[in-house]
Amino acid sequence: MFPKPKAKLSGIKEKNWAIEELPGLKQDEIDNLKSKGFTNSLALVKQGRTVQEKLILAQKLQIHVQYVNKWVALADLARIPTVGTEYCGLLLHAGIASVIQLTTTPPHRLHKQILRLQVATLQRRDLCPAVELVQQWVQQAKSIKS
């Protein structure tokens, strides 16, 4: 008898966005990134994995490292297909700065954080993503290929 083949753990394929699709970037910032060879979000994530790499990138772009931290965080979160560029900014404002951090955050607690943020800033509960969508974000973050 032949042994049963082991089931492969299929990871979610990460999304790659054009740099101009990341939210919150001004045109001059986009132009600066493109002039240094950063045309998509995955390139930004790959060049900004460590604190040292972010500092080097900030020097290369001649900007403050806080901008690099923000852009790398947005690009990292946007890799998750159901988050994308639509919700990466919301997650960042809710205190989630990376895919790794998202994997360790309980979905119901994150949903409460997002709801509080929406009510505090927009005074609207109806704009908060459903808890099921937040659960999907966490699940996809856990299975995304690094």
C-alpha atoms as a PDB file:
ATOM      1  CA  MET A   1       0.000   0.000   0.000  1.00  0.00           C
ATOM      2  CA  PHE A   2       1.156   3.508  -0.799  1.00  0.00           C
ATOM      3  CA  PRO A   3       1.208   6.139   1.911  1.00  0.00           C
ATOM      4  CA  LYS A   4      -1.383   8.862   1.598  1.00  0.00           C
ATOM      5  CA  PRO A   5       0.024  12.065   0.182  1.00  0.00           C
ATOM      6  CA  LYS A   6       0.196  14.832   2.741  1.00  0.00           C
ATOM      7  CA  ALA A   7      -2.096  17.737   2.123  1.00  0.00           C
ATOM      8  CA  LYS A   8      -0.243  20.864   1.123  1.00  0.00           C
ATOM      9  CA  LEU A   9      -0.893  23.985   3.125  1.00  0.00           C
ATOM     10  CA  SER A  10      -1.852  26.410   0.453  1.00  0.00           C
ATOM     11  CA  GLY A  11      -0.933  29.967   1.263  1.00  0.00           C
ATOM     12  CA  ILE A  12      -2.822  32.953   0.017  1.00  0.00           C
ATOM     13  CA  LYS A  13      -1.001  34.727  -2.766  1.00  0.00           C
ATOM     14  CA  GLU A  14       0.009  38.191  -1.659  1.00  0.00           C
ATOM     15  CA  LYS A  15      -1.199  41.182  -3.641  1.00  0.00           C
ATOM     16  CA  ASN A  16       1.130  43.628  -5.304  1.00  0.00           C
ATOM     17  CA  TRP A  17      -0.071  47.177  -5.946  1.00  0.00           C
ATOM     18  CA  ALA A  18       1.286  50.000  -8.055  1.00  0.00           C
ATOM     19  CA  ILE A  19       2.947  52.458  -5.666  1.00  0.00           C
ATOM     20  CA  GLU A  20       0.455  55.184  -6.562  1.00  0.00           C
ATOM     21  CA  GLU A  21      -2.421  52.993  -5.349  1.00  0.00           C
ATOM     22  CA  LEU A  22      -1.234  53.063  -1.721  1.00  0.00           C
ATOM     23  CA  PRO A  23      -3.416  55.487   0.236  1.00  0.00           C
ATOM     24  CA  GLY A  24      -2.113  58.751   1.653  1.00  0.00           C
ATOM     25  CA  LEU A  25       0.876  59.276  -0.619  1.00  0.00           C
ATOM     26  CA  LYS A  26       1.226  62.688  -2.235  1.00  0.00           C
ATOM     27  CA  GLN A  27       2.268  62.956  -5.873  1.00  0.00           C
ATOM     28  CA  ASP A  28       5.762  64.232  -5.017  1.00  0.00           C
ATOM     29  CA  GLU A  29       6.230  61.270  -2.632  1.00  0.00           C
ATOM     30  CA  ILE A  30       5.112  58.863  -5.366  1.00  0.00           C
ATOM     31  CA  ASP A  31       7.508  60.500  -7.825  1.00  0.00           C
ATOM     32  CA  ASN A  32      10.350  60.272  -5.277  1.00  0.00           C
ATOM     33  CA  LEU A  33       9.684  56.556  -4.690  1.00  0.00           C
ATOM     34  CA  LYS A  34       9.459  55.835  -8.415  1.00  0.00           C
ATOM     35  CA  SER A  35      12.675  57.736  -9.140  1.00  0.00           C
ATOM     36  CA  LYS A  36      14.451  55.388  -6.714  1.00  0.00           C
ATOM     37  CA  GLY A  37      12.978  52.285  -8.368  1.00  0.00           C
ATOM     38  CA  PHE A  38       9.971  51.635  -6.122  1.00  0.00           C
ATOM     39  CA  THR A  39       7.159  51.111  -8.583  1.00  0.00           C
ATOM     40  CA  ASN A  40       5.109  48.622  -6.545  1.00  0.00           C
ATOM     41  CA  SER A  41       4.187  47.809  -2.969  1.00  0.00           C
ATOM     42  CA  LEU A  42       6.115  44.530  -2.712  1.00  0.00           C
ATOM     43  CA  ALA A  43       9.369  46.264  -3.641  1.00  0.00           C
ATOM     44  CA  LEU A  44       8.793  48.668  -0.765  1.00  0.00           C
ATOM     45  CA  VAL A  45       8.058  45.834   1.684  1.00  0.00           C
ATOM     46  CA  LYS A  46      11.131  43.866   0.608  1.00  0.00           C
ATOM     47  CA  GLN A  47      13.436  46.881   1.013  1.00  0.00           C
ATOM     48  CA  GLY A  48      12.000  47.870   4.396  1.00  0.00           C
ATOM     49  CA  ARG A  49      11.846  44.696   6.480  1.00  0.00           C
ATOM     50  CA  THR A  50      14.179  45.802   9.288  1.00  0.00           C
ATOM     51  CA  VAL A  51      14.704  49.037  11.194  1.00  0.00           C
ATOM     52  CA  GLN A  52      18.151  49.366   9.619  1.00  0.00           C
ATOM     53  CA  GLU A  53      16.742  48.906   6.097  1.00  0.00           C
ATOM     54  CA  LYS A  54      14.079  51.551   6.801  1.00  0.00           C
ATOM     55  CA  LEU A  55      16.731  54.001   7.967  1.00  0.00           C
ATOM     56  CA  ILE A  56      18.782  53.372   4.830  1.00  0.00           C
ATOM     57  CA  LEU A  57      15.676  53.794   2.690  1.00  0.00           C
ATOM     58  CA  ALA A  58      14.825  57.085   4.417  1.00  0.00           C
ATOM     59  CA  GLN A  59      18.340  58.365   3.708  1.00  0.00           C
ATOM     60  CA  LYS A  60      18.109  57.228   0.099  1.00  0.00           C
ATOM     61  CA  LEU A  61      14.763  59.019  -0.324  1.00  0.00           C
ATOM     62  CA  GLN A  62      15.954  62.003   1.767  1.00  0.00           C
ATOM     63  CA  ILE A  63      12.884  61.928   4.004  1.00  0.00           C
ATOM     64  CA  HIS A  64      12.135  61.307   7.670  1.00  0.00           C
ATOM     65  CA  VAL A  65      12.019  57.633   8.643  1.00  0.00           C
ATOM     66  CA  GLN A  66       8.458  57.999  10.000  1.00  0.00           C
ATOM     67  CA  TYR A  67       7.202  58.289   6.414  1.00  0.00           C
ATOM     68  CA  VAL A  68       9.068  55.151   5.407  1.00  0.00           C
ATOM     69  CA  ASN A  69       7.606  53.317   8.415  1.00  0.00           C
ATOM     70  CA  LYS A  70       4.095  54.372   7.403  1.00  0.00           C
ATOM     71  CA  TRP A  71       4.528  53.477   3.733  1.00  0.00           C
ATOM     72  CA  VAL A  72       6.074  50.086   4.471  1.00  0.00           C
ATOM     73  CA  ALA A  73       3.271  49.317   6.947  1.00  0.00           C
ATOM     74  CA  LEU A  74       0.609  50.251   4.375  1.00  0.00           C
ATOM     75  CA  ALA A  75       2.322  48.184   1.675  1.00  0.00           C
ATOM     76  CA  ASP A  76       2.704  45.225   4.041  1.00  0.00           C
ATOM     77  CA  LEU A  77      -0.969  45.235   5.066  1.00  0.00           C
ATOM     78  CA  ALA A  78      -2.106  45.762   1.463  1.00  0.00           C
ATOM     79  CA  ARG A  79      -0.501  42.383   0.581  1.00  0.00           C
ATOM     80  CA  ILE A  80      -3.519  40.663   2.168  1.00  0.00           C
ATOM     81  CA  PRO A  81      -6.069  40.254  -0.651  1.00  0.00           C
ATOM     82  CA  THR A  82      -9.193  41.121   1.372  1.00  0.00           C
ATOM     83  CA  VAL A  83      -7.439  44.118   2.986  1.00  0.00           C
ATOM     84  CA  GLY A  84      -5.806  45.572  -0.120  1.00  0.00           C
ATOM     85  CA  THR A  85      -5.522  49.308  -0.528  1.00  0.00           C
ATOM     86  CA  GLU A  86      -9.121  49.760   0.606  1.00  0.00           C
ATOM     87  CA  TYR A  87      -8.569  48.795   4.247  1.00  0.00           C
ATOM     88  CA  CYS A  88      -4.792  49.000   4.876  1.00  0.00           C
ATOM     89  CA  GLY A  89      -5.069  52.604   6.063  1.00  0.00           C
ATOM     90  CA  LEU A  90      -7.952  51.745   8.368  1.00  0.00           C
ATOM     91  CA  LEU A  91      -5.942  48.930   9.930  1.00  0.00           C
ATOM     92  CA  LEU A  92      -2.933  51.200  10.389  1.00  0.00           C
ATOM     93  CA  HIS A  93      -5.082  53.861  12.088  1.00  0.00           C
ATOM     94  CA  ALA A  94      -6.571  51.126  14.303  1.00  0.00           C
ATOM     95  CA  GLY A  95      -3.065  50.279  15.544  1.00  0.00           C
ATOM     96  CA  ILE A  96      -2.132  47.344  13.290  1.00  0.00           C
ATOM     97  CA  ALA A  97       1.227  48.046  11.646  1.00  0.00           C
ATOM     98  CA  SER A  98       2.112  44.712  10.023  1.00  0.00           C
ATOM     99  CA  VAL A  99       0.810  41.405   8.746  1.00  0.00           C
ATOM    100  CA  ILE A 100       2.579  39.690  11.644  1.00  0.00           C
ATOM    101  CA  GLN A 101       0.817  41.901  14.184  1.00  0.00           C
ATOM    102  CA  LEU A 102      -2.505  41.191  12.481  1.00  0.00           C
ATOM    103  CA  THR A 103      -1.979  37.433  12.862  1.00  0.00           C
ATOM    104  CA  THR A 104      -1.702  37.802  16.635  1.00  0.00           C
ATOM    105  CA  THR A 105      -4.676  40.111  17.116  1.00  0.00           C
ATOM    106  CA  PRO A 106      -8.012  38.525  18.077  1.00  0.00           C
ATOM    107  CA  PRO A 107     -10.565  39.443  15.369  1.00  0.00           C
ATOM    108  CA  HIS A 108     -13.300  40.475  17.801  1.00  0.00           C
ATOM    109  CA  ARG A 109     -10.939  42.818  19.655  1.00  0.00           C
ATOM    110  CA  LEU A 110      -9.736  44.323  16.369  1.00  0.00           C
ATOM    111  CA  HIS A 111     -13.330  44.791  15.232  1.00  0.00           C
ATOM    112  CA  LYS A 112     -14.060  46.724  18.447  1.00  0.00           C
ATOM    113  CA  GLN A 113     -10.980  48.901  17.871  1.00  0.00           C
ATOM    114  CA  ILE A 114     -12.077  49.687  14.315  1.00  0.00           C
ATOM    115  CA  LEU A 115     -15.642  50.421  15.433  1.00  0.00           C
ATOM    116  CA  ARG A 116     -14.368  52.834  18.123  1.00  0.00           C
ATOM    117  CA  LEU A 117     -12.157  54.522  15.525  1.00  0.00           C
ATOM    118  CA  GLN A 118     -15.031  54.899  13.042  1.00  0.00           C
ATOM    119  CA  VAL A 119     -17.356  56.350  15.675  1.00  0.00           C
ATOM    120  CA  ALA A 120     -14.708  58.685  17.097  1.00  0.00           C
ATOM    121  CA  THR A 121     -13.501  60.057  13.762  1.00  0.00           C
ATOM    122  CA  LEU A 122     -16.510  59.786  11.464  1.00  0.00           C
ATOM    123  CA  GLN A 123     -19.323  59.410  13.996  1.00  0.00           C
ATOM    124  CA  ARG A 124     -20.647  56.518  11.891  1.00  0.00           C
ATOM    125  CA  ARG A 125     -21.030  52.910  13.011  1.00  0.00           C
ATOM    126  CA  ASP A 126     -22.324  51.753   9.630  1.00  0.00           C
ATOM    127  CA  LEU A 127     -18.963  52.236   7.898  1.00  0.00           C
ATOM    128  CA  CYS A 128     -17.250  49.667  10.106  1.00  0.00           C
ATOM    129  CA  PRO A 129     -16.393  46.434   8.254  1.00  0.00           C
ATOM    130  CA  ALA A 130     -18.312  43.371   9.413  1.00  0.00           C
ATOM    131  CA  VAL A 131     -16.685  41.171  12.040  1.00  0.00           C
ATOM    132  CA  GLU A 132     -16.667  38.352   9.473  1.00  0.00           C
ATOM    133  CA  LEU A 133     -14.498  40.439   7.163  1.00  0.00           C
ATOM    134  CA  VAL A 134     -12.103  41.219  10.010  1.00  0.00           C
ATOM    135  CA  GLN A 135     -11.915  37.482  10.744  1.00  0.00           C
ATOM    136  CA  GLN A 136     -11.096  36.879   7.083  1.00  0.00           C
ATOM    137  CA  TRP A 137      -8.273  39.445   7.266  1.00  0.00           C
ATOM    138  CA  VAL A 138      -6.718  37.604  10.198  1.00  0.00           C
ATOM    139  CA  GLN A 139      -7.133  34.206   8.528  1.00  0.00           C
ATOM    140  CA  GLN A 140      -5.542  35.412   5.291  1.00  0.00           C
ATOM    141  CA  ALA A 141      -2.724  37.097   7.203  1.00  0.00           C
ATOM    142  CA  LYS A 142      -1.939  33.768   8.863  1.00  0.00           C
ATOM    143  CA  SER A 143      -1.801  31.899   5.572  1.00  0.00           C
ATOM    144  CA  ILE A 144      -0.149  34.492   3.341  1.00  0.00           C
ATOM    145  CA  LYS A 145       3.140  33.467   1.804  1.00  0.00           C
ATOM    146  CA  SER A 146       6.004  35.572   3.102  1.00  0.00           C
END
